[in-house]
Structure formats: C-alpha cells, structure tokens
Amino acid sequence: MSDIKRIKPGTRMSQAVIHNGIVYLAGQVGTPGADIQTQARTALESVDALLAEAGTDKTRLLQATVWLADMKDFAAANEVWDAWVAPGNPPTRACGEAKLATPDYLYEVIIVAALP
C-alpha cells in the first residue's frame, strides 16, 4: 500500500488519491446556493488546487465527469468549462444530470489526471 498516496484523507473519503502516476479526485462542488457558473468556477478552482497539491495540473487531464442538477444549465456550465480547460489538452468528458447531495448543489466534477 506504500505506492498509494492520499491527499486530505477524511473519515469517509480522500480528496485525491495518487496511484501508478494517476491522480483520482473526489467529486468537487462549488459554493452551495450560488448560481451554476459560480458553482462551476469554484469547483474547478478546487480541482486546480488539488492537482497542484498532487504535483500536476489541468494540462494533464485524462477524464472528467460533470454532474448537473438540471441539464438546463448545460450551456452555462460549458461556458465556464470552456474558459477553464487547457487549450489543446481537453480530456475525455461525460456530462449528465443527477440529484446531487443537497438541492443547494447544481454542479459537481470528478477528474482523473496524469502526473508529469
């Protein structure tokens, strides 16, 4: 198990796990109760911080899964995503609608990235 590194481990989960040169992030959410673009922006800021702590960045994304509380927010969330994702380095991505932890959450993103 020494080849597994956990970042910000808690009782229920770690915010990130590194194994075999891959970083797996827990779902990142934005500011509860804020509008979709604010939530997307703050969730992606959390992604940036965790990737930096793991020793990588968004140019090394492999996969992203985006959950929206309502697909009516798809275009607005994509505006934030498109401004954030590293040009020329988009990951594979899926986006779907899901009932999130509480009605205050509109956006959640799960990321997998490679270490340099």
PDB file of N, CA and C in Angstrom:
ATOM      1  N   MET A   1       0.809  -1.204   0.000  1.00  0.00           N
ATOM      2  CA  MET A   1       0.000   0.000   0.000  1.00  0.00           C
ATOM      3  C   MET A   1       0.852   1.268   0.000  1.00  0.00           C
ATOM      4  N   SER A   2       2.158   1.115   0.117  1.00  0.00           N
ATOM      5  CA  SER A   2       3.016   2.304   0.162  1.00  0.00           C
ATOM      6  C   SER A   2       3.048   3.045  -1.169  1.00  0.00           C
ATOM      7  N   ASP A   3       2.552   2.430  -2.232  1.00  0.00           N
ATOM      8  CA  ASP A   3       2.536   3.104  -3.526  1.00  0.00           C
ATOM      9  C   ASP A   3       1.269   3.919  -3.735  1.00  0.00           C
ATOM     10  N   ILE A   4       0.442   4.020  -2.714  1.00  0.00           N
ATOM     11  CA  ILE A   4      -0.785   4.815  -2.779  1.00  0.00           C
ATOM     12  C   ILE A   4      -0.618   6.019  -1.859  1.00  0.00           C
ATOM     13  N   LYS A   5      -0.832   7.220  -2.406  1.00  0.00           N
ATOM     14  CA  LYS A   5      -0.766   8.441  -1.605  1.00  0.00           C
ATOM     15  C   LYS A   5      -2.154   9.058  -1.548  1.00  0.00           C
ATOM     16  N   ARG A   6      -2.586   9.412  -0.365  1.00  0.00           N
ATOM     17  CA  ARG A   6      -3.901  10.020  -0.174  1.00  0.00           C
ATOM     18  C   ARG A   6      -3.729  11.488   0.215  1.00  0.00           C
ATOM     19  N   ILE A   7      -4.465  12.357  -0.447  1.00  0.00           N
ATOM     20  CA  ILE A   7      -4.417  13.791  -0.165  1.00  0.00           C
ATOM     21  C   ILE A   7      -5.703  14.191   0.545  1.00  0.00           C
ATOM     22  N   LYS A   8      -5.528  14.845   1.681  1.00  0.00           N
ATOM     23  CA  LYS A   8      -6.645  15.296   2.518  1.00  0.00           C
ATOM     24  C   LYS A   8      -7.604  14.142   2.834  1.00  0.00           C
ATOM     25  N   PRO A   9      -7.061  13.063   3.431  1.00  0.00           N
ATOM     26  CA  PRO A   9      -7.945  11.952   3.792  1.00  0.00           C
ATOM     27  C   PRO A   9      -8.857  12.345   4.942  1.00  0.00           C
ATOM     28  N   GLY A  10     -10.080  11.889   4.866  1.00  0.00           N
ATOM     29  CA  GLY A  10     -11.046  12.104   5.930  1.00  0.00           C
ATOM     30  C   GLY A  10     -11.604  10.765   6.371  1.00  0.00           C
ATOM     31  N   THR A  11     -12.633  10.801   7.170  1.00  0.00           N
ATOM     32  CA  THR A  11     -13.255   9.573   7.646  1.00  0.00           C
ATOM     33  C   THR A  11     -13.916   8.818   6.507  1.00  0.00           C
ATOM     34  N   ARG A  12     -14.586   9.538   5.628  1.00  0.00           N
ATOM     35  CA  ARG A  12     -15.367   8.929   4.556  1.00  0.00           C
ATOM     36  C   ARG A  12     -14.586   8.778   3.254  1.00  0.00           C
ATOM     37  N   MET A  13     -13.716   9.745   2.957  1.00  0.00           N
ATOM     38  CA  MET A  13     -13.026   9.724   1.670  1.00  0.00           C
ATOM     39  C   MET A  13     -11.809  10.637   1.710  1.00  0.00           C
ATOM     40  N   SER A  14     -10.950  10.466   0.708  1.00  0.00           N
ATOM     41  CA  SER A  14      -9.838  11.381   0.470  1.00  0.00           C
ATOM     42  C   SER A  14     -10.262  12.331  -0.637  1.00  0.00           C
ATOM     43  N   GLN A  15      -9.700  13.525  -0.650  1.00  0.00           N
ATOM     44  CA  GLN A  15      -9.999  14.462  -1.727  1.00  0.00           C
ATOM     45  C   GLN A  15      -9.279  14.080  -3.014  1.00  0.00           C
ATOM     46  N   ALA A  16      -8.163  13.365  -2.882  1.00  0.00           N
ATOM     47  CA  ALA A  16      -7.438  12.856  -4.051  1.00  0.00           C
ATOM     48  C   ALA A  16      -6.653  11.625  -3.634  1.00  0.00           C
ATOM     49  N   VAL A  17      -6.458  10.724  -4.588  1.00  0.00           N
ATOM     50  CA  VAL A  17      -5.634   9.536  -4.386  1.00  0.00           C
ATOM     51  C   VAL A  17      -4.709   9.424  -5.592  1.00  0.00           C
ATOM     52  N   ILE A  18      -3.430   9.172  -5.316  1.00  0.00           N
ATOM     53  CA  ILE A  18      -2.441   9.007  -6.377  1.00  0.00           C
ATOM     54  C   ILE A  18      -1.976   7.554  -6.365  1.00  0.00           C
ATOM     55  N   HIS A  19      -1.989   6.938  -7.541  1.00  0.00           N
ATOM     56  CA  HIS A  19      -1.533   5.559  -7.677  1.00  0.00           C
ATOM     57  C   HIS A  19      -1.013   5.345  -9.099  1.00  0.00           C
ATOM     58  N   ASN A  20       0.172   4.779  -9.212  1.00  0.00           N
ATOM     59  CA  ASN A  20       0.765   4.468 -10.510  1.00  0.00           C
ATOM     60  C   ASN A  20       0.766   5.657 -11.473  1.00  0.00           C
ATOM     61  N   GLY A  21       1.089   6.841 -10.963  1.00  0.00           N
ATOM     62  CA  GLY A  21       1.206   8.022 -11.817  1.00  0.00           C
ATOM     63  C   GLY A  21      -0.107   8.654 -12.237  1.00  0.00           C
ATOM     64  N   ILE A  22      -1.197   8.207 -11.626  1.00  0.00           N
ATOM     65  CA  ILE A  22      -2.527   8.746 -11.939  1.00  0.00           C
ATOM     66  C   ILE A  22      -3.110   9.374 -10.681  1.00  0.00           C
ATOM     67  N   VAL A  23      -3.744  10.529 -10.839  1.00  0.00           N
ATOM     68  CA  VAL A  23      -4.409  11.238  -9.738  1.00  0.00           C
ATOM     69  C   VAL A  23      -5.915  11.128  -9.940  1.00  0.00           C
ATOM     70  N   TYR A  24      -6.594  10.627  -8.933  1.00  0.00           N
ATOM     71  CA  TYR A  24      -8.046  10.492  -8.949  1.00  0.00           C
ATOM     72  C   TYR A  24      -8.614  11.480  -7.941  1.00  0.00           C
ATOM     73  N   LEU A  25      -9.427  12.421  -8.401  1.00  0.00           N
ATOM     74  CA  LEU A  25     -10.024  13.399  -7.494  1.00  0.00           C
ATOM     75  C   LEU A  25     -11.422  12.968  -7.089  1.00  0.00           C
ATOM     76  N   ALA A  26     -11.767  13.265  -5.851  1.00  0.00           N
ATOM     77  CA  ALA A  26     -13.144  13.108  -5.405  1.00  0.00           C
ATOM     78  C   ALA A  26     -13.990  14.154  -6.126  1.00  0.00           C
ATOM     79  N   GLY A  27     -15.283  13.971  -6.139  1.00  0.00           N
ATOM     80  CA  GLY A  27     -16.161  14.961  -6.743  1.00  0.00           C
ATOM     81  C   GLY A  27     -15.976  16.318  -6.081  1.00  0.00           C
ATOM     82  N   GLN A  28     -15.793  17.339  -6.894  1.00  0.00           N
ATOM     83  CA  GLN A  28     -15.613  18.701  -6.398  1.00  0.00           C
ATOM     84  C   GLN A  28     -16.865  19.507  -6.720  1.00  0.00           C
ATOM     85  N   VAL A  29     -17.373  20.196  -5.720  1.00  0.00           N
ATOM     86  CA  VAL A  29     -18.577  21.003  -5.880  1.00  0.00           C
ATOM     87  C   VAL A  29     -18.238  22.458  -5.626  1.00  0.00           C
ATOM     88  N   GLY A  30     -19.112  23.325  -6.065  1.00  0.00           N
ATOM     89  CA  GLY A  30     -18.914  24.752  -5.875  1.00  0.00           C
ATOM     90  C   GLY A  30     -19.624  25.258  -4.636  1.00  0.00           C
ATOM     91  N   THR A  31     -19.701  26.560  -4.529  1.00  0.00           N
ATOM     92  CA  THR A  31     -20.331  27.218  -3.396  1.00  0.00           C
ATOM     93  C   THR A  31     -21.819  26.892  -3.360  1.00  0.00           C
ATOM     94  N   PRO A  32     -22.300  26.199  -2.310  1.00  0.00           N
ATOM     95  CA  PRO A  32     -23.709  25.819  -2.256  1.00  0.00           C
ATOM     96  C   PRO A  32     -24.625  27.041  -2.324  1.00  0.00           C
ATOM     97  N   GLY A  33     -25.668  26.933  -3.113  1.00  0.00           N
ATOM     98  CA  GLY A  33     -26.651  28.006  -3.222  1.00  0.00           C
ATOM     99  C   GLY A  33     -26.315  29.064  -4.256  1.00  0.00           C
ATOM    100  N   ALA A  34     -25.088  29.046  -4.767  1.00  0.00           N
ATOM    101  CA  ALA A  34     -24.707  30.028  -5.792  1.00  0.00           C
ATOM    102  C   ALA A  34     -25.272  29.595  -7.144  1.00  0.00           C
ATOM    103  N   ASP A  35     -25.198  30.483  -8.133  1.00  0.00           N
ATOM    104  CA  ASP A  35     -25.673  30.153  -9.476  1.00  0.00           C
ATOM    105  C   ASP A  35     -24.735  29.131 -10.117  1.00  0.00           C
ATOM    106  N   ILE A  36     -25.162  28.537 -11.212  1.00  0.00           N
ATOM    107  CA  ILE A  36     -24.424  27.451 -11.857  1.00  0.00           C
ATOM    108  C   ILE A  36     -23.015  27.861 -12.261  1.00  0.00           C
ATOM    109  N   GLN A  37     -22.838  29.060 -12.790  1.00  0.00           N
ATOM    110  CA  GLN A  37     -21.500  29.459 -13.231  1.00  0.00           C
ATOM    111  C   GLN A  37     -20.561  29.688 -12.050  1.00  0.00           C
ATOM    112  N   THR A  38     -21.061  30.236 -10.976  1.00  0.00           N
ATOM    113  CA  THR A  38     -20.233  30.414  -9.779  1.00  0.00           C
ATOM    114  C   THR A  38     -19.857  29.057  -9.205  1.00  0.00           C
ATOM    115  N   GLN A  39     -20.818  28.134  -9.156  1.00  0.00           N
ATOM    116  CA  GLN A  39     -20.515  26.804  -8.643  1.00  0.00           C
ATOM    117  C   GLN A  39     -19.499  26.085  -9.524  1.00  0.00           C
ATOM    118  N   ALA A  40     -19.655  26.173 -10.826  1.00  0.00           N
ATOM    119  CA  ALA A  40     -18.695  25.543 -11.737  1.00  0.00           C
ATOM    120  C   ALA A  40     -17.311  26.142 -11.544  1.00  0.00           C
ATOM    121  N   ARG A  41     -17.246  27.453 -11.478  1.00  0.00           N
ATOM    122  CA  ARG A  41     -15.962  28.144 -11.333  1.00  0.00           C
ATOM    123  C   ARG A  41     -15.266  27.739 -10.031  1.00  0.00           C
ATOM    124  N   THR A  42     -15.990  27.731  -8.920  1.00  0.00           N
ATOM    125  CA  THR A  42     -15.354  27.399  -7.641  1.00  0.00           C
ATOM    126  C   THR A  42     -14.992  25.913  -7.563  1.00  0.00           C
ATOM    127  N   ALA A  43     -15.788  25.054  -8.179  1.00  0.00           N
ATOM    128  CA  ALA A  43     -15.441  23.628  -8.224  1.00  0.00           C
ATOM    129  C   ALA A  43     -14.148  23.430  -9.013  1.00  0.00           C
ATOM    130  N   LEU A  44     -14.012  24.118 -10.129  1.00  0.00           N
ATOM    131  CA  LEU A  44     -12.813  23.984 -10.951  1.00  0.00           C
ATOM    132  C   LEU A  44     -11.593  24.625 -10.283  1.00  0.00           C
ATOM    133  N   GLU A  45     -11.803  25.647  -9.467  1.00  0.00           N
ATOM    134  CA  GLU A  45     -10.708  26.200  -8.666  1.00  0.00           C
ATOM    135  C   GLU A  45     -10.217  25.158  -7.668  1.00  0.00           C
ATOM    136  N   SER A  46     -11.141  24.395  -7.086  1.00  0.00           N
ATOM    137  CA  SER A  46     -10.769  23.306  -6.169  1.00  0.00           C
ATOM    138  C   SER A  46      -9.975  22.231  -6.907  1.00  0.00           C
ATOM    139  N   VAL A  47     -10.394  21.930  -8.131  1.00  0.00           N
ATOM    140  CA  VAL A  47      -9.659  20.972  -8.961  1.00  0.00           C
ATOM    141  C   VAL A  47      -8.228  21.462  -9.164  1.00  0.00           C
ATOM    142  N   ASP A  48      -8.070  22.715  -9.548  1.00  0.00           N
ATOM    143  CA  ASP A  48      -6.732  23.279  -9.755  1.00  0.00           C
ATOM    144  C   ASP A  48      -5.870  23.126  -8.502  1.00  0.00           C
ATOM    145  N   ALA A  49      -6.423  23.432  -7.350  1.00  0.00           N
ATOM    146  CA  ALA A  49      -5.672  23.360  -6.094  1.00  0.00           C
ATOM    147  C   ALA A  49      -5.271  21.925  -5.764  1.00  0.00           C
ATOM    148  N   LEU A  50      -6.180  20.986  -5.937  1.00  0.00           N
ATOM    149  CA  LEU A  50      -5.855  19.586  -5.651  1.00  0.00           C
ATOM    150  C   LEU A  50      -4.835  19.031  -6.636  1.00  0.00           C
ATOM    151  N   LEU A  51      -4.976  19.378  -7.896  1.00  0.00           N
ATOM    152  CA  LEU A  51      -3.994  18.925  -8.877  1.00  0.00           C
ATOM    153  C   LEU A  51      -2.606  19.475  -8.547  1.00  0.00           C
ATOM    154  N   ALA A  52      -2.533  20.741  -8.145  1.00  0.00           N
ATOM    155  CA  ALA A  52      -1.253  21.341  -7.770  1.00  0.00           C
ATOM    156  C   ALA A  52      -0.668  20.615  -6.559  1.00  0.00           C
ATOM    157  N   GLU A  53      -1.506  20.319  -5.580  1.00  0.00           N
ATOM    158  CA  GLU A  53      -1.030  19.608  -4.399  1.00  0.00           C
ATOM    159  C   GLU A  53      -0.519  18.210  -4.762  1.00  0.00           C
ATOM    160  N   ALA A  54      -1.114  17.609  -5.777  1.00  0.00           N
ATOM    161  CA  ALA A  54      -0.689  16.280  -6.232  1.00  0.00           C
ATOM    162  C   ALA A  54       0.556  16.347  -7.118  1.00  0.00           C
ATOM    163  N   GLY A  55       0.891  17.552  -7.601  1.00  0.00           N
ATOM    164  CA  GLY A  55       2.082  17.707  -8.427  1.00  0.00           C
ATOM    165  C   GLY A  55       1.808  17.699  -9.918  1.00  0.00           C
ATOM    166  N   THR A  56       0.590  18.055 -10.308  1.00  0.00           N
ATOM    167  CA  THR A  56       0.243  18.099 -11.722  1.00  0.00           C
ATOM    168  C   THR A  56      -0.657  19.300 -11.988  1.00  0.00           C
ATOM    169  N   ASP A  57      -1.240  19.375 -13.177  1.00  0.00           N
ATOM    170  CA  ASP A  57      -2.130  20.487 -13.489  1.00  0.00           C
ATOM    171  C   ASP A  57      -3.130  20.075 -14.567  1.00  0.00           C
ATOM    172  N   LYS A  58      -3.973  20.999 -14.950  1.00  0.00           N
ATOM    173  CA  LYS A  58      -5.068  20.685 -15.879  1.00  0.00           C
ATOM    174  C   LYS A  58      -4.608  20.381 -17.304  1.00  0.00           C
ATOM    175  N   THR A  59      -3.344  20.603 -17.625  1.00  0.00           N
ATOM    176  CA  THR A  59      -2.850  20.206 -18.945  1.00  0.00           C
ATOM    177  C   THR A  59      -2.692  18.695 -19.039  1.00  0.00           C
ATOM    178  N   ARG A  60      -2.796  18.000 -17.914  1.00  0.00           N
ATOM    179  CA  ARG A  60      -2.571  16.554 -17.857  1.00  0.00           C
ATOM    180  C   ARG A  60      -3.858  15.789 -17.546  1.00  0.00           C
ATOM    181  N   LEU A  61      -5.017  16.432 -17.762  1.00  0.00           N
ATOM    182  CA  LEU A  61      -6.296  15.765 -17.518  1.00  0.00           C
ATOM    183  C   LEU A  61      -6.470  14.590 -18.468  1.00  0.00           C
ATOM    184  N   LEU A  62      -7.011  13.511 -17.925  1.00  0.00           N
ATOM    185  CA  LEU A  62      -7.328  12.334 -18.728  1.00  0.00           C
ATOM    186  C   LEU A  62      -8.829  12.187 -18.927  1.00  0.00           C
ATOM    187  N   GLN A  63      -9.577  12.389 -17.839  1.00  0.00           N
ATOM    188  CA  GLN A  63     -11.024  12.161 -17.890  1.00  0.00           C
ATOM    189  C   GLN A  63     -11.730  13.116 -16.932  1.00  0.00           C
ATOM    190  N   ALA A  64     -12.910  13.547 -17.336  1.00  0.00           N
ATOM    191  CA  ALA A  64     -13.759  14.383 -16.482  1.00  0.00           C
ATOM    192  C   ALA A  64     -15.190  13.866 -16.570  1.00  0.00           C
ATOM    193  N   THR A  65     -15.836  13.832 -15.428  1.00  0.00           N
ATOM    194  CA  THR A  65     -17.264  13.530 -15.364  1.00  0.00           C
ATOM    195  C   THR A  65     -17.934  14.715 -14.683  1.00  0.00           C
ATOM    196  N   VAL A  66     -18.865  15.344 -15.378  1.00  0.00           N
ATOM    197  CA  VAL A  66     -19.575  16.514 -14.860  1.00  0.00           C
ATOM    198  C   VAL A  66     -21.012  16.108 -14.570  1.00  0.00           C
ATOM    199  N   TRP A  67     -21.461  16.417 -13.378  1.00  0.00           N
ATOM    200  CA  TRP A  67     -22.860  16.188 -12.993  1.00  0.00           C
ATOM    201  C   TRP A  67     -23.539  17.527 -12.786  1.00  0.00           C
ATOM    202  N   LEU A  68     -24.678  17.692 -13.432  1.00  0.00           N
ATOM    203  CA  LEU A  68     -25.501  18.889 -13.273  1.00  0.00           C
ATOM    204  C   LEU A  68     -26.809  18.492 -12.606  1.00  0.00           C
ATOM    205  N   ALA A  69     -27.301  19.321 -11.716  1.00  0.00           N
ATOM    206  CA  ALA A  69     -28.599  19.052 -11.093  1.00  0.00           C
ATOM    207  C   ALA A  69     -29.721  19.168 -12.110  1.00  0.00           C
ATOM    208  N   ASP A  70     -29.498  19.992 -13.144  1.00  0.00           N
ATOM    209  CA  ASP A  70     -30.510  20.195 -14.182  1.00  0.00           C
ATOM    210  C   ASP A  70     -29.806  20.472 -15.506  1.00  0.00           C
ATOM    211  N   MET A  71     -30.120  19.697 -16.530  1.00  0.00           N
ATOM    212  CA  MET A  71     -29.468  19.867 -17.834  1.00  0.00           C
ATOM    213  C   MET A  71     -29.782  21.214 -18.484  1.00  0.00           C
ATOM    214  N   LYS A  72     -30.742  21.958 -17.953  1.00  0.00           N
ATOM    215  CA  LYS A  72     -30.996  23.300 -18.485  1.00  0.00           C
ATOM    216  C   LYS A  72     -29.769  24.196 -18.287  1.00  0.00           C
ATOM    217  N   ASP A  73     -28.876  23.810 -17.364  1.00  0.00           N
ATOM    218  CA  ASP A  73     -27.666  24.580 -17.084  1.00  0.00           C
ATOM    219  C   ASP A  73     -26.468  24.157 -17.935  1.00  0.00           C
ATOM    220  N   PHE A  74     -26.692  23.244 -18.880  1.00  0.00           N
ATOM    221  CA  PHE A  74     -25.602  22.692 -19.693  1.00  0.00           C
ATOM    222  C   PHE A  74     -24.796  23.786 -20.400  1.00  0.00           C
ATOM    223  N   ALA A  75     -25.448  24.684 -21.098  1.00  0.00           N
ATOM    224  CA  ALA A  75     -24.744  25.732 -21.855  1.00  0.00           C
ATOM    225  C   ALA A  75     -23.973  26.663 -20.926  1.00  0.00           C
ATOM    226  N   ALA A  76     -24.595  27.078 -19.836  1.00  0.00           N
ATOM    227  CA  ALA A  76     -23.932  27.993 -18.898  1.00  0.00           C
ATOM    228  C   ALA A  76     -22.731  27.324 -18.233  1.00  0.00           C
ATOM    229  N   ALA A  77     -22.872  26.056 -17.869  1.00  0.00           N
ATOM    230  CA  ALA A  77     -21.753  25.329 -17.258  1.00  0.00           C
ATOM    231  C   ALA A  77     -20.630  25.144 -18.272  1.00  0.00           C
ATOM    232  N   ASN A  78     -20.975  24.877 -19.518  1.00  0.00           N
ATOM    233  CA  ASN A  78     -19.961  24.701 -20.555  1.00  0.00           C
ATOM    234  C   ASN A  78     -19.187  25.981 -20.826  1.00  0.00           C
ATOM    235  N   GLU A  79     -19.813  27.138 -20.665  1.00  0.00           N
ATOM    236  CA  GLU A  79     -19.078  28.402 -20.831  1.00  0.00           C
ATOM    237  C   GLU A  79     -17.913  28.463 -19.848  1.00  0.00           C
ATOM    238  N   VAL A  80     -18.188  28.075 -18.603  1.00  0.00           N
ATOM    239  CA  VAL A  80     -17.136  28.085 -17.572  1.00  0.00           C
ATOM    240  C   VAL A  80     -16.091  27.019 -17.890  1.00  0.00           C
ATOM    241  N   TRP A  81     -16.554  25.815 -18.232  1.00  0.00           N
ATOM    242  CA  TRP A  81     -15.630  24.728 -18.567  1.00  0.00           C
ATOM    243  C   TRP A  81     -14.709  25.134 -19.710  1.00  0.00           C
ATOM    244  N   ASP A  82     -15.294  25.656 -20.791  1.00  0.00           N
ATOM    245  CA  ASP A  82     -14.516  26.010 -21.977  1.00  0.00           C
ATOM    246  C   ASP A  82     -13.468  27.078 -21.684  1.00  0.00           C
ATOM    247  N   ALA A  83     -13.770  28.001 -20.784  1.00  0.00           N
ATOM    248  CA  ALA A  83     -12.810  29.035 -20.402  1.00  0.00           C
ATOM    249  C   ALA A  83     -11.706  28.463 -19.503  1.00  0.00           C
ATOM    250  N   TRP A  84     -12.014  27.376 -18.798  1.00  0.00           N
ATOM    251  CA  TRP A  84     -11.070  26.790 -17.840  1.00  0.00           C
ATOM    252  C   TRP A  84     -10.150  25.740 -18.456  1.00  0.00           C
ATOM    253  N   VAL A  85     -10.685  24.867 -19.284  1.00  0.00           N
ATOM    254  CA  VAL A  85      -9.903  23.731 -19.786  1.00  0.00           C
ATOM    255  C   VAL A  85      -8.690  24.239 -20.563  1.00  0.00           C
ATOM    256  N   ALA A  86      -7.561  23.534 -20.408  1.00  0.00           N
ATOM    257  CA  ALA A  86      -6.320  23.954 -21.055  1.00  0.00           C
ATOM    258  C   ALA A  86      -6.437  23.791 -22.570  1.00  0.00           C
ATOM    259  N   PRO A  87      -6.240  24.869 -23.327  1.00  0.00           N
ATOM    260  CA  PRO A  87      -6.325  24.781 -24.789  1.00  0.00           C
ATOM    261  C   PRO A  87      -5.408  23.686 -25.336  1.00  0.00           C
ATOM    262  N   GLY A  88      -5.960  22.874 -26.218  1.00  0.00           N
ATOM    263  CA  GLY A  88      -5.192  21.801 -26.825  1.00  0.00           C
ATOM    264  C   GLY A  88      -5.044  20.562 -25.965  1.00  0.00           C
ATOM    265  N   ASN A  89      -5.607  20.584 -24.750  1.00  0.00           N
ATOM    266  CA  ASN A  89      -5.461  19.458 -23.830  1.00  0.00           C
ATOM    267  C   ASN A  89      -6.787  19.024 -23.213  1.00  0.00           C
ATOM    268  N   PRO A  90      -7.865  18.951 -23.985  1.00  0.00           N
ATOM    269  CA  PRO A  90      -9.128  18.551 -23.376  1.00  0.00           C
ATOM    270  C   PRO A  90      -9.114  17.055 -23.022  1.00  0.00           C
ATOM    271  N   PRO A  91      -9.693  16.699 -21.882  1.00  0.00           N
ATOM    272  CA  PRO A  91      -9.789  15.289 -21.518  1.00  0.00           C
ATOM    273  C   PRO A  91     -10.988  14.642 -22.204  1.00  0.00           C
ATOM    274  N   THR A  92     -11.134  13.344 -22.032  1.00  0.00           N
ATOM    275  CA  THR A  92     -12.419  12.749 -22.355  1.00  0.00           C
ATOM    276  C   THR A  92     -13.388  13.307 -21.324  1.00  0.00           C
ATOM    277  N   ARG A  93     -14.670  13.409 -21.681  1.00  0.00           N
ATOM    278  CA  ARG A  93     -15.609  14.012 -20.737  1.00  0.00           C
ATOM    279  C   ARG A  93     -17.003  13.445 -20.950  1.00  0.00           C
ATOM    280  N   ALA A  94     -17.698  13.269 -19.847  1.00  0.00           N
ATOM    281  CA  ALA A  94     -19.115  12.926 -19.871  1.00  0.00           C
ATOM    282  C   ALA A  94     -19.829  13.953 -19.012  1.00  0.00           C
ATOM    283  N   CYS A  95     -21.062  14.257 -19.358  1.00  0.00           N
ATOM    284  CA  CYS A  95     -21.865  15.200 -18.575  1.00  0.00           C
ATOM    285  C   CYS A  95     -23.272  14.642 -18.494  1.00  0.00           C
ATOM    286  N   GLY A  96     -23.786  14.586 -17.285  1.00  0.00           N
ATOM    287  CA  GLY A  96     -25.131  14.073 -17.107  1.00  0.00           C
ATOM    288  C   GLY A  96     -25.862  14.806 -16.009  1.00  0.00           C
ATOM    289  N   GLU A  97     -27.127  14.492 -15.891  1.00  0.00           N
ATOM    290  CA  GLU A  97     -27.968  15.089 -14.856  1.00  0.00           C
ATOM    291  C   GLU A  97     -28.077  14.110 -13.699  1.00  0.00           C
ATOM    292  N   ALA A  98     -27.971  14.638 -12.481  1.00  0.00           N
ATOM    293  CA  ALA A  98     -28.060  13.796 -11.291  1.00  0.00           C
ATOM    294  C   ALA A  98     -28.623  14.599 -10.127  1.00  0.00           C
ATOM    295  N   LYS A  99     -29.251  13.907  -9.231  1.00  0.00           N
ATOM    296  CA  LYS A  99     -29.672  14.527  -7.982  1.00  0.00           C
ATOM    297  C   LYS A  99     -28.436  14.567  -7.096  1.00  0.00           C
ATOM    298  N   LEU A 100     -27.932  15.759  -6.815  1.00  0.00           N
ATOM    299  CA  LEU A 100     -26.697  15.914  -6.052  1.00  0.00           C
ATOM    300  C   LEU A 100     -26.986  15.875  -4.551  1.00  0.00           C
ATOM    301  N   ALA A 101     -25.961  15.992  -3.725  1.00  0.00           N
ATOM    302  CA  ALA A 101     -26.064  15.782  -2.278  1.00  0.00           C
ATOM    303  C   ALA A 101     -27.193  16.575  -1.611  1.00  0.00           C
ATOM    304  N   THR A 102     -27.339  17.830  -2.003  1.00  0.00           N
ATOM    305  CA  THR A 102     -28.445  18.646  -1.497  1.00  0.00           C
ATOM    306  C   THR A 102     -28.935  19.521  -2.657  1.00  0.00           C
ATOM    307  N   PRO A 103     -30.141  20.074  -2.544  1.00  0.00           N
ATOM    308  CA  PRO A 103     -30.635  20.955  -3.614  1.00  0.00           C
ATOM    309  C   PRO A 103     -29.790  22.221  -3.806  1.00  0.00           C
ATOM    310  N   ASP A 104     -28.923  22.548  -2.841  1.00  0.00           N
ATOM    311  CA  ASP A 104     -28.053  23.720  -2.961  1.00  0.00           C
ATOM    312  C   ASP A 104     -26.927  23.508  -3.961  1.00  0.00           C
ATOM    313  N   TYR A 105     -26.654  22.256  -4.306  1.00  0.00           N
ATOM    314  CA  TYR A 105     -25.590  21.951  -5.265  1.00  0.00           C
ATOM    315  C   TYR A 105     -26.170  21.786  -6.655  1.00  0.00           C
ATOM    316  N   LEU A 106     -25.578  22.491  -7.613  1.00  0.00           N
ATOM    317  CA  LEU A 106     -26.006  22.439  -9.005  1.00  0.00           C
ATOM    318  C   LEU A 106     -24.964  21.780  -9.903  1.00  0.00           C
ATOM    319  N   TYR A 107     -23.711  21.656  -9.416  1.00  0.00           N
ATOM    320  CA  TYR A 107     -22.585  21.242 -10.254  1.00  0.00           C
ATOM    321  C   TYR A 107     -21.614  20.405  -9.435  1.00  0.00           C
ATOM    322  N   GLU A 108     -21.156  19.316 -10.016  1.00  0.00           N
ATOM    323  CA  GLU A 108     -20.093  18.505  -9.427  1.00  0.00           C
ATOM    324  C   GLU A 108     -19.226  17.985 -10.558  1.00  0.00           C
ATOM    325  N   VAL A 109     -17.918  17.943 -10.332  1.00  0.00           N
ATOM    326  CA  VAL A 109     -16.994  17.440 -11.343  1.00  0.00           C
ATOM    327  C   VAL A 109     -16.042  16.446 -10.706  1.00  0.00           C
ATOM    328  N   ILE A 110     -15.789  15.355 -11.419  1.00  0.00           N
ATOM    329  CA  ILE A 110     -14.859  14.321 -10.991  1.00  0.00           C
ATOM    330  C   ILE A 110     -13.750  14.266 -12.049  1.00  0.00           C
ATOM    331  N   ILE A 111     -12.507  14.300 -11.598  1.00  0.00           N
ATOM    332  CA  ILE A 111     -11.361  14.404 -12.508  1.00  0.00           C
ATOM    333  C   ILE A 111     -10.377  13.263 -12.291  1.00  0.00           C
ATOM    334  N   VAL A 112      -9.795  12.805 -13.386  1.00  0.00           N
ATOM    335  CA  VAL A 112      -8.660  11.885 -13.361  1.00  0.00           C
ATOM    336  C   VAL A 112      -7.571  12.541 -14.197  1.00  0.00           C
ATOM    337  N   ALA A 113      -6.351  12.585 -13.647  1.00  0.00           N
ATOM    338  CA  ALA A 113      -5.243  13.249 -14.337  1.00  0.00           C
ATOM    339  C   ALA A 113      -3.969  12.435 -14.186  1.00  0.00           C
ATOM    340  N   ALA A 114      -3.017  12.692 -15.069  1.00  0.00           N
ATOM    341  CA  ALA A 114      -1.711  12.039 -15.018  1.00  0.00           C
ATOM    342  C   ALA A 114      -0.704  12.943 -14.318  1.00  0.00           C
ATOM    343  N   LEU A 115       0.233  12.321 -13.637  1.00  0.00           N
ATOM    344  CA  LEU A 115       1.370  13.065 -13.100  1.00  0.00           C
ATOM    345  C   LEU A 115       2.369  13.289 -14.226  1.00  0.00           C
ATOM    346  N   PRO A 116       3.208  14.304 -14.112  1.00  0.00           N
ATOM    347  CA  PRO A 116       4.237  14.511 -15.143  1.00  0.00           C
ATOM    348  C   PRO A 116       5.263  13.380 -15.137  1.00  0.00           C
TER     349      PRO A 116
END
